[in-house]
Amino acid sequence: MNKYLKSYQSVWVKKIKNTILLSGVSVLTAFTHAAVAEVTDKPMITMTIAGQSVYLELAMTKQQRRRGLMYRSELPKDHGMLFVWEKSAKQCMLMKNTRIDLDVAFIREDGLIDSVHTMQSNTLNSHCSDGPIRYAIEMSSGFFSGQR
């Protein structure tokens, strides 16, 4: 396991709660395992959301968060991206150069969902958390509405 993933595991596993709540319903449970992938050069994790395994690329640096899921022409329904910020703050997402519609769940440091937004591809609209958040998960459009 490379140094980046070891560092990620020690920080993330200590910080994330075993359960994240969406509208009062438990939708995320503990990691199936903390680091998946030599499948790609991008670090990934597997999580379970409402009983469904999902594969999330990690966006932990400013550069990774800025690029996000730009320039992708498709995204499997069980794949997405987990954004991690160093500190809790209000965050916004843009869809510039993003070719696929996405849902984003903004997640507070205590593991509760702050808000969920559906975002249209190739737009410059800002989609912002309601309050300070530490994490966000982007999935294909409609993913989170199907979990309510």
N, C-alpha and C. Protein backbone atom coordinates (compact mmCIF):
# COMPACT_ATOMS: atom_id res chain seq x y z
N MET A 1 0.84 -1.18 0.00
CA MET A 1 0.00 0.00 0.00
C MET A 1 0.89 1.24 0.00
N ASN A 2 0.55 2.21 -0.86
CA ASN A 2 1.42 3.38 -0.94
C ASN A 2 1.21 4.33 0.24
N LYS A 3 2.14 5.26 0.39
CA LYS A 3 2.15 6.21 1.51
C LYS A 3 0.86 7.03 1.54
N TYR A 4 0.36 7.45 0.37
CA TYR A 4 -0.85 8.26 0.28
C TYR A 4 -2.04 7.51 0.89
N LEU A 5 -2.21 6.25 0.52
CA LEU A 5 -3.35 5.49 1.03
C LEU A 5 -3.21 5.21 2.52
N LYS A 6 -2.00 4.96 3.01
CA LYS A 6 -1.81 4.75 4.44
C LYS A 6 -2.21 6.01 5.21
N SER A 7 -1.78 7.16 4.72
CA SER A 7 -2.11 8.43 5.34
C SER A 7 -3.62 8.64 5.30
N TYR A 8 -4.21 8.38 4.16
CA TYR A 8 -5.65 8.52 4.00
C TYR A 8 -6.39 7.65 5.01
N GLN A 9 -5.99 6.39 5.12
CA GLN A 9 -6.69 5.47 6.02
C GLN A 9 -6.64 5.97 7.45
N SER A 10 -5.48 6.39 7.91
CA SER A 10 -5.37 6.80 9.30
C SER A 10 -6.22 8.03 9.59
N VAL A 11 -6.30 8.97 8.66
CA VAL A 11 -7.11 10.17 8.87
C VAL A 11 -8.59 9.84 8.71
N TRP A 12 -8.96 9.20 7.61
CA TRP A 12 -10.37 9.00 7.31
C TRP A 12 -11.04 8.07 8.30
N VAL A 13 -10.43 6.94 8.59
CA VAL A 13 -11.06 5.96 9.46
C VAL A 13 -11.30 6.55 10.84
N LYS A 14 -10.43 7.42 11.29
CA LYS A 14 -10.62 8.07 12.59
C LYS A 14 -11.72 9.12 12.52
N LYS A 15 -11.87 9.78 11.39
CA LYS A 15 -12.77 10.92 11.30
C LYS A 15 -14.21 10.56 10.93
N ILE A 16 -14.40 9.64 10.01
CA ILE A 16 -15.74 9.38 9.50
C ILE A 16 -16.54 8.55 10.50
N LYS A 17 -17.77 8.82 10.62
CA LYS A 17 -18.65 8.04 11.49
C LYS A 17 -19.02 6.75 10.78
N ASN A 18 -19.38 5.73 11.52
CA ASN A 18 -19.77 4.47 10.91
C ASN A 18 -21.07 4.60 10.13
N THR A 19 -21.89 5.56 10.50
CA THR A 19 -23.16 5.73 9.81
C THR A 19 -23.36 7.19 9.48
N ILE A 20 -23.78 7.46 8.25
CA ILE A 20 -24.14 8.81 7.84
C ILE A 20 -25.64 8.79 7.59
N LEU A 21 -26.34 9.81 8.05
CA LEU A 21 -27.79 9.84 7.93
C LEU A 21 -28.22 10.76 6.80
N LEU A 22 -29.20 10.32 6.04
CA LEU A 22 -29.81 11.14 4.99
C LEU A 22 -31.29 11.24 5.32
N SER A 23 -31.76 12.43 5.61
CA SER A 23 -33.16 12.65 5.96
C SER A 23 -33.61 11.72 7.09
N GLY A 24 -32.73 11.48 8.05
CA GLY A 24 -33.09 10.66 9.19
C GLY A 24 -33.02 9.16 8.93
N VAL A 25 -32.65 8.75 7.74
CA VAL A 25 -32.57 7.33 7.41
C VAL A 25 -31.12 6.97 7.18
N SER A 26 -30.67 5.89 7.79
CA SER A 26 -29.28 5.48 7.63
C SER A 26 -29.03 5.02 6.20
N VAL A 27 -28.11 5.68 5.50
CA VAL A 27 -27.83 5.29 4.12
C VAL A 27 -26.40 4.86 3.89
N LEU A 28 -25.48 5.27 4.71
CA LEU A 28 -24.09 4.87 4.55
C LEU A 28 -23.66 4.09 5.77
N THR A 29 -23.02 2.96 5.55
CA THR A 29 -22.46 2.21 6.66
C THR A 29 -20.96 2.12 6.49
N ALA A 30 -20.29 1.54 7.46
CA ALA A 30 -18.82 1.51 7.47
C ALA A 30 -18.27 0.95 6.17
N PHE A 31 -17.04 1.32 5.89
CA PHE A 31 -16.35 0.86 4.69
C PHE A 31 -16.37 -0.65 4.60
N THR A 32 -16.56 -1.16 3.40
CA THR A 32 -16.35 -2.58 3.15
C THR A 32 -14.88 -2.86 3.35
N HIS A 33 -14.05 -2.04 2.80
CA HIS A 33 -12.62 -1.99 3.12
C HIS A 33 -12.14 -0.61 2.76
N ALA A 34 -11.10 -0.16 3.42
CA ALA A 34 -10.72 1.24 3.32
C ALA A 34 -10.08 1.63 2.01
N ALA A 35 -9.35 0.76 1.37
CA ALA A 35 -8.72 1.14 0.12
C ALA A 35 -8.92 0.03 -0.88
N VAL A 36 -9.43 0.36 -2.04
CA VAL A 36 -9.69 -0.65 -3.04
C VAL A 36 -8.55 -0.68 -4.00
N ALA A 37 -7.96 -0.02 -4.58
CA ALA A 37 -7.76 -0.19 -5.96
C ALA A 37 -6.45 -0.02 -6.61
N GLU A 38 -6.05 -1.09 -7.08
CA GLU A 38 -4.96 -1.05 -8.03
C GLU A 38 -5.57 -1.12 -9.43
N VAL A 39 -6.89 -1.09 -9.52
CA VAL A 39 -7.60 -1.10 -10.80
C VAL A 39 -7.29 0.18 -11.57
N THR A 40 -7.10 1.25 -10.86
CA THR A 40 -6.82 2.54 -11.45
C THR A 40 -5.68 3.19 -10.67
N ASP A 41 -5.07 4.21 -11.23
CA ASP A 41 -4.03 4.90 -10.49
C ASP A 41 -4.62 5.88 -9.49
N LYS A 42 -5.94 6.04 -9.49
CA LYS A 42 -6.60 6.94 -8.56
C LYS A 42 -7.00 6.17 -7.30
N PRO A 43 -6.73 6.73 -6.13
CA PRO A 43 -7.15 6.05 -4.90
C PRO A 43 -8.67 5.97 -4.84
N MET A 44 -9.18 4.83 -4.41
CA MET A 44 -10.62 4.60 -4.32
C MET A 44 -10.95 3.90 -3.00
N ILE A 45 -12.20 4.03 -2.60
CA ILE A 45 -12.73 3.26 -1.49
C ILE A 45 -14.05 2.64 -1.93
N THR A 46 -14.46 1.63 -1.21
CA THR A 46 -15.78 1.05 -1.40
C THR A 46 -16.60 1.38 -0.17
N MET A 47 -17.83 1.87 -0.36
CA MET A 47 -18.74 2.13 0.75
C MET A 47 -20.06 1.45 0.42
N THR A 48 -20.88 1.28 1.43
CA THR A 48 -22.22 0.76 1.23
C THR A 48 -23.20 1.89 1.50
N ILE A 49 -24.03 2.18 0.53
CA ILE A 49 -25.06 3.22 0.66
C ILE A 49 -26.40 2.52 0.45
N ALA A 50 -27.23 2.53 1.49
CA ALA A 50 -28.55 1.89 1.44
C ALA A 50 -28.46 0.47 0.90
N GLY A 51 -27.46 -0.27 1.37
CA GLY A 51 -27.31 -1.66 0.98
C GLY A 51 -26.65 -1.90 -0.35
N GLN A 52 -26.25 -0.84 -1.03
CA GLN A 52 -25.61 -0.95 -2.35
C GLN A 52 -24.14 -0.59 -2.24
N SER A 53 -23.26 -1.46 -2.72
CA SER A 53 -21.82 -1.14 -2.74
C SER A 53 -21.56 -0.10 -3.83
N VAL A 54 -20.80 0.93 -3.46
CA VAL A 54 -20.41 1.95 -4.42
C VAL A 54 -18.90 2.14 -4.33
N TYR A 55 -18.31 2.52 -5.44
CA TYR A 55 -16.87 2.71 -5.56
C TYR A 55 -16.62 4.20 -5.74
N LEU A 56 -15.87 4.78 -4.82
CA LEU A 56 -15.67 6.23 -4.82
C LEU A 56 -14.20 6.57 -5.00
N GLU A 57 -13.93 7.36 -6.04
CA GLU A 57 -12.59 7.93 -6.18
C GLU A 57 -12.45 9.00 -5.12
N LEU A 58 -11.24 9.19 -4.63
CA LEU A 58 -10.99 10.17 -3.59
C LEU A 58 -10.48 11.47 -4.18
N ALA A 59 -11.03 12.58 -3.71
CA ALA A 59 -10.56 13.91 -4.07
C ALA A 59 -10.20 14.60 -2.76
N MET A 60 -8.92 14.52 -2.41
CA MET A 60 -8.47 15.03 -1.12
C MET A 60 -7.58 16.26 -1.22
N THR A 61 -7.02 16.52 -2.39
CA THR A 61 -6.19 17.70 -2.57
C THR A 61 -7.00 18.77 -3.29
N LYS A 62 -6.53 20.00 -3.21
CA LYS A 62 -7.21 21.10 -3.89
C LYS A 62 -7.32 20.81 -5.39
N GLN A 63 -6.26 20.33 -5.99
CA GLN A 63 -6.26 20.02 -7.42
C GLN A 63 -7.26 18.90 -7.75
N GLN A 64 -7.30 17.86 -6.95
CA GLN A 64 -8.25 16.75 -7.18
C GLN A 64 -9.68 17.23 -7.02
N ARG A 65 -9.95 18.07 -6.00
CA ARG A 65 -11.31 18.58 -5.79
C ARG A 65 -11.71 19.51 -6.93
N ARG A 66 -10.79 20.33 -7.42
CA ARG A 66 -11.09 21.25 -8.50
C ARG A 66 -11.45 20.50 -9.78
N ARG A 67 -10.73 19.44 -10.09
CA ARG A 67 -11.00 18.65 -11.31
C ARG A 67 -12.25 17.79 -11.17
N GLY A 68 -12.43 17.20 -10.00
CA GLY A 68 -13.63 16.40 -9.75
C GLY A 68 -13.88 15.38 -10.85
N LEU A 69 -15.09 15.36 -11.37
CA LEU A 69 -15.48 14.42 -12.42
C LEU A 69 -15.54 15.09 -13.80
N MET A 70 -14.78 16.15 -13.98
CA MET A 70 -14.74 16.84 -15.29
C MET A 70 -14.28 15.90 -16.39
N TYR A 71 -14.76 16.19 -17.58
CA TYR A 71 -14.32 15.54 -18.83
C TYR A 71 -14.72 14.07 -18.93
N ARG A 72 -15.54 13.56 -18.05
CA ARG A 72 -16.00 12.18 -18.14
C ARG A 72 -17.24 12.14 -19.03
N SER A 73 -17.30 11.18 -19.92
CA SER A 73 -18.49 11.06 -20.76
C SER A 73 -19.48 10.05 -20.19
N GLU A 74 -19.05 9.26 -19.22
CA GLU A 74 -19.96 8.32 -18.56
C GLU A 74 -19.45 8.03 -17.15
N LEU A 75 -20.36 7.54 -16.33
CA LEU A 75 -20.04 7.18 -14.96
C LEU A 75 -20.95 6.02 -14.59
N PRO A 76 -20.38 4.85 -14.31
CA PRO A 76 -21.23 3.72 -13.91
C PRO A 76 -22.10 4.11 -12.71
N LYS A 77 -23.30 3.56 -12.63
CA LYS A 77 -24.24 3.91 -11.55
C LYS A 77 -23.69 3.65 -10.15
N ASP A 78 -22.74 2.72 -10.04
CA ASP A 78 -22.19 2.40 -8.72
C ASP A 78 -20.83 3.05 -8.47
N HIS A 79 -20.50 4.07 -9.26
CA HIS A 79 -19.24 4.79 -9.09
C HIS A 79 -19.52 6.27 -8.82
N GLY A 80 -18.59 6.90 -8.11
CA GLY A 80 -18.73 8.32 -7.83
C GLY A 80 -17.42 8.87 -7.29
N MET A 81 -17.50 9.99 -6.60
CA MET A 81 -16.31 10.62 -6.05
C MET A 81 -16.62 11.13 -4.65
N LEU A 82 -15.67 10.90 -3.75
CA LEU A 82 -15.74 11.40 -2.38
C LEU A 82 -14.76 12.55 -2.25
N PHE A 83 -15.28 13.74 -1.90
CA PHE A 83 -14.48 14.93 -1.69
C PHE A 83 -14.24 15.08 -0.19
N VAL A 84 -12.99 15.36 0.18
CA VAL A 84 -12.62 15.53 1.59
C VAL A 84 -11.88 16.85 1.73
N TRP A 85 -12.35 17.71 2.63
CA TRP A 85 -11.68 18.98 2.92
C TRP A 85 -11.00 18.89 4.28
N GLU A 86 -9.95 19.68 4.47
CA GLU A 86 -9.18 19.67 5.71
C GLU A 86 -10.00 20.16 6.90
N LYS A 87 -10.87 21.16 6.67
CA LYS A 87 -11.68 21.74 7.72
C LYS A 87 -13.11 21.89 7.23
N SER A 88 -14.04 21.90 8.16
CA SER A 88 -15.44 22.15 7.82
C SER A 88 -15.62 23.60 7.40
N ALA A 89 -16.33 23.81 6.32
CA ALA A 89 -16.66 25.14 5.81
C ALA A 89 -17.78 24.98 4.79
N LYS A 90 -18.44 26.07 4.47
CA LYS A 90 -19.44 26.03 3.40
C LYS A 90 -18.69 25.77 2.10
N GLN A 91 -19.18 24.84 1.29
CA GLN A 91 -18.53 24.47 0.03
C GLN A 91 -19.53 24.57 -1.12
N CYS A 92 -19.02 24.83 -2.31
CA CYS A 92 -19.85 24.90 -3.51
C CYS A 92 -19.24 24.04 -4.61
N MET A 93 -20.10 23.51 -5.46
CA MET A 93 -19.68 22.71 -6.61
C MET A 93 -20.15 23.40 -7.88
N LEU A 94 -19.35 23.26 -8.93
CA LEU A 94 -19.70 23.75 -10.27
C LEU A 94 -19.67 22.58 -11.23
N MET A 95 -20.34 22.72 -12.35
CA MET A 95 -20.39 21.64 -13.34
C MET A 95 -19.66 22.01 -14.63
N LYS A 96 -18.80 23.02 -14.57
CA LYS A 96 -18.02 23.41 -15.74
C LYS A 96 -17.22 22.21 -16.25
N ASN A 97 -17.31 21.97 -17.56
CA ASN A 97 -16.60 20.87 -18.22
C ASN A 97 -16.98 19.48 -17.68
N THR A 98 -18.11 19.39 -17.03
CA THR A 98 -18.60 18.10 -16.55
C THR A 98 -19.72 17.68 -17.50
N ARG A 99 -19.53 16.56 -18.16
CA ARG A 99 -20.41 16.14 -19.26
C ARG A 99 -21.59 15.28 -18.83
N ILE A 100 -21.67 14.94 -17.56
CA ILE A 100 -22.74 14.07 -17.08
C ILE A 100 -23.48 14.75 -15.92
N ASP A 101 -24.80 14.55 -15.84
CA ASP A 101 -25.57 15.09 -14.72
C ASP A 101 -25.20 14.31 -13.46
N LEU A 102 -25.12 15.03 -12.34
CA LEU A 102 -24.69 14.42 -11.08
C LEU A 102 -25.59 14.85 -9.92
N ASP A 103 -25.62 14.03 -8.89
CA ASP A 103 -26.16 14.40 -7.58
C ASP A 103 -24.96 14.62 -6.66
N VAL A 104 -25.08 15.56 -5.75
CA VAL A 104 -24.06 15.73 -4.72
C VAL A 104 -24.74 15.74 -3.36
N ALA A 105 -24.19 14.97 -2.44
CA ALA A 105 -24.62 15.00 -1.04
C ALA A 105 -23.52 15.68 -0.26
N PHE A 106 -23.85 16.82 0.37
CA PHE A 106 -22.91 17.52 1.23
C PHE A 106 -23.04 16.94 2.64
N ILE A 107 -21.91 16.58 3.26
CA ILE A 107 -21.92 15.84 4.52
C ILE A 107 -21.15 16.62 5.58
N ARG A 108 -21.81 16.84 6.70
CA ARG A 108 -21.19 17.55 7.82
C ARG A 108 -20.12 16.69 8.48
N GLU A 109 -19.28 17.31 9.29
CA GLU A 109 -18.22 16.58 9.97
C GLU A 109 -18.76 15.51 10.91
N ASP A 110 -19.95 15.74 11.47
CA ASP A 110 -20.54 14.74 12.37
C ASP A 110 -21.18 13.58 11.62
N GLY A 111 -21.10 13.60 10.28
CA GLY A 111 -21.61 12.50 9.48
C GLY A 111 -23.04 12.66 9.00
N LEU A 112 -23.71 13.76 9.35
CA LEU A 112 -25.07 13.97 8.88
C LEU A 112 -25.07 14.68 7.53
N ILE A 113 -26.06 14.34 6.72
CA ILE A 113 -26.20 14.98 5.41
C ILE A 113 -26.71 16.41 5.62
N ASP A 114 -25.98 17.37 5.08
CA ASP A 114 -26.36 18.79 5.13
C ASP A 114 -27.43 19.07 4.08
N SER A 115 -27.19 18.63 2.85
CA SER A 115 -28.13 18.86 1.75
C SER A 115 -27.72 17.98 0.57
N VAL A 116 -28.67 17.79 -0.34
CA VAL A 116 -28.44 17.04 -1.57
C VAL A 116 -28.91 17.91 -2.73
N HIS A 117 -28.10 17.99 -3.78
CA HIS A 117 -28.44 18.79 -4.96
C HIS A 117 -28.30 17.93 -6.21
N THR A 118 -29.19 18.16 -7.19
CA THR A 118 -29.03 17.56 -8.51
C THR A 118 -28.44 18.64 -9.40
N MET A 119 -27.37 18.28 -10.13
CA MET A 119 -26.62 19.27 -10.91
C MET A 119 -26.63 18.87 -12.39
N GLN A 120 -26.96 19.84 -13.24
CA GLN A 120 -26.98 19.59 -14.69
C GLN A 120 -25.59 19.77 -15.27
N SER A 121 -25.28 18.94 -16.27
CA SER A 121 -23.96 18.98 -16.91
C SER A 121 -23.71 20.30 -17.61
N ASN A 122 -22.42 20.64 -17.72
CA ASN A 122 -21.95 21.81 -18.47
C ASN A 122 -22.67 23.10 -18.14
N THR A 123 -22.92 23.34 -16.85
CA THR A 123 -23.51 24.60 -16.43
C THR A 123 -22.54 25.29 -15.47
N LEU A 124 -22.75 26.57 -15.26
CA LEU A 124 -21.90 27.33 -14.36
C LEU A 124 -22.62 27.71 -13.07
N ASN A 125 -23.78 27.09 -12.82
CA ASN A 125 -24.51 27.36 -11.58
C ASN A 125 -23.73 26.83 -10.39
N SER A 126 -23.74 27.59 -9.29
CA SER A 126 -23.12 27.13 -8.05
C SER A 126 -24.13 26.30 -7.27
N HIS A 127 -23.68 25.17 -6.76
CA HIS A 127 -24.49 24.31 -5.90
C HIS A 127 -23.75 24.25 -4.57
N CYS A 128 -24.32 24.90 -3.55
CA CYS A 128 -23.61 25.09 -2.29
C CYS A 128 -24.28 24.35 -1.14
N SER A 129 -23.46 23.96 -0.19
CA SER A 129 -23.98 23.36 1.04
C SER A 129 -24.75 24.42 1.81
N ASP A 130 -25.69 23.97 2.64
CA ASP A 130 -26.46 24.91 3.45
C ASP A 130 -25.61 25.46 4.60
N GLY A 131 -24.71 24.65 5.10
CA GLY A 131 -23.86 25.04 6.22
C GLY A 131 -22.47 24.47 6.04
N PRO A 132 -21.65 24.53 7.08
CA PRO A 132 -20.29 23.98 6.97
C PRO A 132 -20.32 22.46 6.82
N ILE A 133 -19.51 21.97 5.88
CA ILE A 133 -19.41 20.53 5.63
C ILE A 133 -17.95 20.14 5.57
N ARG A 134 -17.70 18.86 5.71
CA ARG A 134 -16.33 18.34 5.62
C ARG A 134 -16.15 17.41 4.43
N TYR A 135 -17.26 16.80 3.96
CA TYR A 135 -17.21 15.81 2.90
C TYR A 135 -18.34 16.05 1.91
N ALA A 136 -18.17 15.53 0.70
CA ALA A 136 -19.25 15.52 -0.30
C ALA A 136 -19.08 14.25 -1.13
N ILE A 137 -20.21 13.69 -1.54
CA ILE A 137 -20.19 12.54 -2.43
C ILE A 137 -20.97 12.90 -3.68
N GLU A 138 -20.32 12.74 -4.84
CA GLU A 138 -20.99 12.92 -6.13
C GLU A 138 -21.25 11.55 -6.74
N MET A 139 -22.48 11.38 -7.21
CA MET A 139 -22.91 10.15 -7.87
C MET A 139 -23.73 10.55 -9.10
N SER A 140 -24.04 9.57 -9.95
CA SER A 140 -24.89 9.85 -11.12
C SER A 140 -26.21 10.46 -10.68
N SER A 141 -26.76 11.33 -11.52
CA SER A 141 -28.01 12.01 -11.22
C SER A 141 -29.11 11.00 -10.91
N GLY A 142 -29.86 11.28 -9.85
CA GLY A 142 -30.94 10.41 -9.43
C GLY A 142 -30.55 9.41 -8.35
N PHE A 143 -29.26 9.26 -8.11
CA PHE A 143 -28.82 8.27 -7.12
C PHE A 143 -29.39 8.55 -5.75
N PHE A 144 -29.23 9.76 -5.25
CA PHE A 144 -29.66 10.05 -3.89
C PHE A 144 -31.17 10.18 -3.77
N SER A 145 -31.85 10.62 -4.81
CA SER A 145 -33.32 10.68 -4.73
C SER A 145 -33.89 9.27 -4.64
N GLY A 146 -33.21 8.29 -5.18
CA GLY A 146 -33.65 6.90 -5.08
C GLY A 146 -33.40 6.30 -3.72
N GLN A 147 -32.65 7.00 -2.84
CA GLN A 147 -32.31 6.47 -1.53
C GLN A 147 -33.26 6.98 -0.44
N ARG A 148 -34.13 7.90 -0.76
CA ARG A 148 -34.98 8.52 0.26
C ARG A 148 -36.19 7.66 0.58
